[in-house]
Structures are given as C-alpha cells and as structure tokens.
N, C-alpha and C. Protein backbone atom coordinates (compact mmCIF):
# COMPACT_ATOMS: atom_id res chain seq x y z
N MET A 1 -38.89 -25.51 -52.45
CA MET A 1 -39.94 -25.71 -51.50
C MET A 1 -40.80 -24.46 -51.45
N LYS A 2 -42.12 -24.68 -51.28
CA LYS A 2 -42.99 -23.59 -51.28
C LYS A 2 -42.88 -22.82 -49.86
N GLN A 3 -42.92 -21.54 -49.97
CA GLN A 3 -42.87 -20.70 -48.72
C GLN A 3 -44.24 -20.69 -48.04
N PRO A 4 -44.25 -20.86 -46.71
CA PRO A 4 -45.60 -20.70 -45.99
C PRO A 4 -46.00 -19.23 -45.96
N PRO A 5 -47.30 -19.07 -45.69
CA PRO A 5 -47.81 -17.66 -45.63
C PRO A 5 -47.02 -17.00 -44.40
N LYS A 6 -46.83 -15.69 -44.64
CA LYS A 6 -46.06 -14.94 -43.67
C LYS A 6 -46.64 -15.00 -42.29
N TRP A 7 -48.00 -15.01 -42.15
CA TRP A 7 -48.54 -15.07 -40.79
C TRP A 7 -48.21 -16.38 -40.15
N LYS A 8 -48.12 -17.44 -40.80
CA LYS A 8 -47.83 -18.76 -40.23
C LYS A 8 -46.45 -18.77 -39.83
N PHE A 9 -45.55 -18.23 -40.62
CA PHE A 9 -44.10 -18.17 -40.28
C PHE A 9 -43.87 -17.32 -39.09
N ALA A 10 -44.63 -16.24 -39.01
CA ALA A 10 -44.57 -15.31 -37.77
C ALA A 10 -45.02 -16.05 -36.51
N VAL A 11 -46.03 -16.83 -36.60
CA VAL A 11 -46.50 -17.63 -35.45
C VAL A 11 -45.40 -18.63 -35.05
N MET A 12 -44.74 -19.28 -36.03
CA MET A 12 -43.73 -20.18 -35.74
C MET A 12 -42.56 -19.53 -35.05
N VAL A 13 -42.17 -18.35 -35.54
CA VAL A 13 -41.02 -17.65 -34.97
C VAL A 13 -41.40 -17.23 -33.56
N TRP A 14 -42.61 -16.77 -33.34
CA TRP A 14 -43.05 -16.39 -32.03
C TRP A 14 -43.08 -17.57 -31.08
N LEU A 15 -43.48 -18.68 -31.55
CA LEU A 15 -43.46 -19.93 -30.68
C LEU A 15 -42.03 -20.34 -30.32
N ALA A 16 -41.08 -19.96 -31.12
CA ALA A 16 -39.68 -20.26 -30.74
C ALA A 16 -39.05 -19.13 -29.90
N ILE A 17 -39.33 -17.97 -30.23
CA ILE A 17 -38.58 -16.89 -29.55
C ILE A 17 -39.14 -16.51 -28.22
N TYR A 18 -40.43 -16.50 -28.03
CA TYR A 18 -40.90 -15.96 -26.74
C TYR A 18 -40.48 -16.95 -25.62
N PRO A 19 -40.65 -18.28 -25.62
CA PRO A 19 -40.17 -19.09 -24.51
C PRO A 19 -38.68 -19.00 -24.40
N THR A 20 -37.95 -18.93 -25.52
CA THR A 20 -36.48 -18.93 -25.48
C THR A 20 -35.97 -17.70 -24.81
N ILE A 21 -36.50 -16.53 -25.16
CA ILE A 21 -36.10 -15.27 -24.44
C ILE A 21 -36.46 -15.30 -22.93
N THR A 22 -37.62 -15.88 -22.70
CA THR A 22 -38.01 -15.98 -21.25
C THR A 22 -37.00 -16.87 -20.51
N ILE A 23 -36.70 -18.11 -21.02
CA ILE A 23 -35.81 -18.93 -20.33
C ILE A 23 -34.31 -18.40 -20.26
N VAL A 24 -33.86 -17.81 -21.29
CA VAL A 24 -32.52 -17.25 -21.31
C VAL A 24 -32.53 -16.02 -20.32
N SER A 25 -33.50 -15.24 -20.33
CA SER A 25 -33.57 -14.15 -19.40
C SER A 25 -33.54 -14.65 -17.90
N PHE A 26 -34.29 -15.74 -17.69
CA PHE A 26 -34.36 -16.30 -16.31
C PHE A 26 -33.01 -16.88 -15.89
N LEU A 27 -32.40 -17.56 -16.92
CA LEU A 27 -31.04 -18.15 -16.60
C LEU A 27 -29.88 -17.17 -16.36
N ILE A 28 -29.84 -16.12 -17.18
CA ILE A 28 -28.64 -15.30 -17.08
C ILE A 28 -29.01 -13.85 -16.69
N GLY A 29 -30.37 -13.56 -16.48
CA GLY A 29 -30.72 -12.23 -16.12
C GLY A 29 -30.05 -11.58 -14.90
N ASP A 30 -29.93 -12.35 -13.87
CA ASP A 30 -29.32 -11.79 -12.67
C ASP A 30 -27.82 -11.53 -12.82
N TYR A 31 -27.15 -12.33 -13.69
CA TYR A 31 -25.81 -12.18 -13.97
C TYR A 31 -25.44 -10.98 -14.78
N ILE A 32 -26.38 -10.53 -15.64
CA ILE A 32 -26.12 -9.46 -16.60
C ILE A 32 -26.92 -8.21 -16.21
N LYS A 33 -27.69 -8.25 -15.26
CA LYS A 33 -28.62 -7.05 -14.89
C LYS A 33 -27.86 -5.75 -14.80
N ASN A 34 -26.62 -5.74 -14.29
CA ASN A 34 -25.91 -4.49 -14.18
C ASN A 34 -25.03 -4.06 -15.38
N PHE A 35 -25.08 -4.93 -16.49
CA PHE A 35 -24.30 -4.64 -17.67
C PHE A 35 -24.97 -3.44 -18.36
N PRO A 36 -24.21 -2.69 -19.12
CA PRO A 36 -24.86 -1.68 -19.99
C PRO A 36 -25.84 -2.32 -21.00
N LEU A 37 -26.83 -1.65 -21.28
CA LEU A 37 -27.87 -2.17 -22.25
C LEU A 37 -27.28 -2.73 -23.56
N PRO A 38 -26.35 -2.02 -24.22
CA PRO A 38 -25.79 -2.63 -25.51
C PRO A 38 -25.12 -3.99 -25.25
N LEU A 39 -24.40 -4.14 -24.09
CA LEU A 39 -23.70 -5.41 -23.77
C LEU A 39 -24.73 -6.49 -23.50
N LYS A 40 -25.81 -6.12 -22.68
CA LYS A 40 -26.90 -7.12 -22.47
C LYS A 40 -27.51 -7.58 -23.80
N THR A 41 -27.77 -6.65 -24.65
CA THR A 41 -28.41 -7.02 -25.90
C THR A 41 -27.48 -7.82 -26.77
N LEU A 42 -26.22 -7.50 -26.74
CA LEU A 42 -25.18 -8.30 -27.47
C LEU A 42 -25.10 -9.76 -26.96
N LEU A 43 -25.17 -9.95 -25.65
CA LEU A 43 -25.06 -11.25 -25.13
C LEU A 43 -26.35 -12.03 -25.43
N MET A 44 -27.49 -11.41 -25.23
CA MET A 44 -28.74 -12.07 -25.50
C MET A 44 -28.93 -12.52 -26.96
N THR A 45 -28.59 -11.61 -27.88
CA THR A 45 -28.72 -11.96 -29.22
C THR A 45 -27.66 -12.97 -29.73
N GLY A 46 -26.48 -12.83 -29.05
CA GLY A 46 -25.42 -13.79 -29.31
C GLY A 46 -25.84 -15.18 -29.01
N ILE A 47 -26.63 -15.43 -28.07
CA ILE A 47 -27.20 -16.68 -27.69
C ILE A 47 -28.40 -17.06 -28.53
N LEU A 48 -29.37 -16.15 -28.56
CA LEU A 48 -30.62 -16.40 -29.15
C LEU A 48 -30.58 -16.59 -30.70
N VAL A 49 -29.90 -15.83 -31.38
CA VAL A 49 -29.88 -15.91 -32.89
C VAL A 49 -29.35 -17.27 -33.40
N PRO A 50 -28.18 -17.74 -32.97
CA PRO A 50 -27.77 -19.05 -33.43
C PRO A 50 -28.69 -20.18 -32.92
N LEU A 51 -29.19 -20.03 -31.74
CA LEU A 51 -30.19 -21.05 -31.27
C LEU A 51 -31.41 -21.11 -32.11
N MET A 52 -31.92 -19.93 -32.57
CA MET A 52 -33.07 -19.87 -33.38
C MET A 52 -32.77 -20.48 -34.77
N VAL A 53 -31.63 -20.00 -35.33
CA VAL A 53 -31.32 -20.35 -36.71
C VAL A 53 -30.96 -21.79 -36.97
N PHE A 54 -30.20 -22.34 -35.97
CA PHE A 54 -29.66 -23.63 -36.21
C PHE A 54 -30.42 -24.76 -35.41
N VAL A 55 -31.19 -24.48 -34.50
CA VAL A 55 -31.84 -25.44 -33.60
C VAL A 55 -33.35 -25.29 -33.69
N LEU A 56 -33.88 -24.21 -33.17
CA LEU A 56 -35.31 -24.10 -32.98
C LEU A 56 -36.18 -23.96 -34.22
N LEU A 57 -35.82 -23.08 -35.08
CA LEU A 57 -36.58 -22.86 -36.31
C LEU A 57 -36.56 -24.14 -37.20
N PRO A 58 -35.45 -24.80 -37.40
CA PRO A 58 -35.48 -26.06 -38.25
C PRO A 58 -36.42 -27.16 -37.46
N PHE A 59 -36.24 -27.16 -36.16
CA PHE A 59 -37.08 -28.20 -35.43
C PHE A 59 -38.61 -27.82 -35.58
N LEU A 60 -38.93 -26.59 -35.36
CA LEU A 60 -40.33 -26.21 -35.60
C LEU A 60 -40.81 -26.41 -37.02
N ARG A 61 -40.02 -26.01 -37.93
CA ARG A 61 -40.38 -26.18 -39.32
C ARG A 61 -40.71 -27.65 -39.66
N ASN A 62 -39.89 -28.54 -39.12
CA ASN A 62 -40.08 -30.01 -39.30
C ASN A 62 -41.39 -30.44 -38.64
N LEU A 63 -41.52 -29.90 -37.36
CA LEU A 63 -42.65 -30.32 -36.57
C LEU A 63 -44.00 -29.75 -37.15
N LEU A 64 -44.00 -28.49 -37.56
CA LEU A 64 -45.21 -27.81 -38.04
C LEU A 64 -45.28 -27.80 -39.62
N GLY A 65 -44.50 -28.60 -40.28
CA GLY A 65 -44.41 -28.55 -41.69
C GLY A 65 -45.75 -28.76 -42.48
N ASN A 66 -46.57 -29.66 -42.02
CA ASN A 66 -47.91 -29.87 -42.71
C ASN A 66 -48.71 -28.59 -42.53
N TRP A 67 -48.78 -28.05 -41.33
CA TRP A 67 -49.53 -26.84 -41.10
C TRP A 67 -49.05 -25.68 -41.79
N LEU A 68 -47.76 -25.52 -41.88
CA LEU A 68 -47.09 -24.37 -42.54
C LEU A 68 -47.46 -24.34 -44.00
N ASN A 69 -47.51 -25.52 -44.59
CA ASN A 69 -47.63 -25.48 -46.04
C ASN A 69 -49.07 -25.79 -46.54
N LYS A 70 -49.98 -25.67 -45.68
CA LYS A 70 -51.43 -25.86 -46.11
C LYS A 70 -52.00 -24.52 -46.67
C-alpha cells in the first residue's frame, strides 16, 4: 500500500490525538492531578497509545483513505 504524504498523515494523527487527549484529560484529570508527573504521563500514554494504534488511527485511515492517498 502506498504511504500518504507525511503532512497528511500528521493531520490525521492530530485529528485523532487532540480530541482524545482533551477527552481523557477531562475524564481523569481531577483523579490524577496530584500524581507525580511521570505517573500522570504513564497513565495518559497507557490509555492513549493503544487507543490510537488499535482504534482511532485505523478508523481514520479508513475514513480518510481517499484523501490520504491522493
């Protein structure tokens, strides 16, 4: 499969990650606000990375496939 231009892939990743970070921060931010920064980062990335790799990026790649490969 042909790889999309890097700028289009970056837009797709941004479309996935910005709202996801915002939602996850809203949902768990109050619970983890007093945790040390490394632990907060560990928890956030532990949620976000699998969600991006297995759910959001495949969904967006399918949704934006025509645009990505033009």
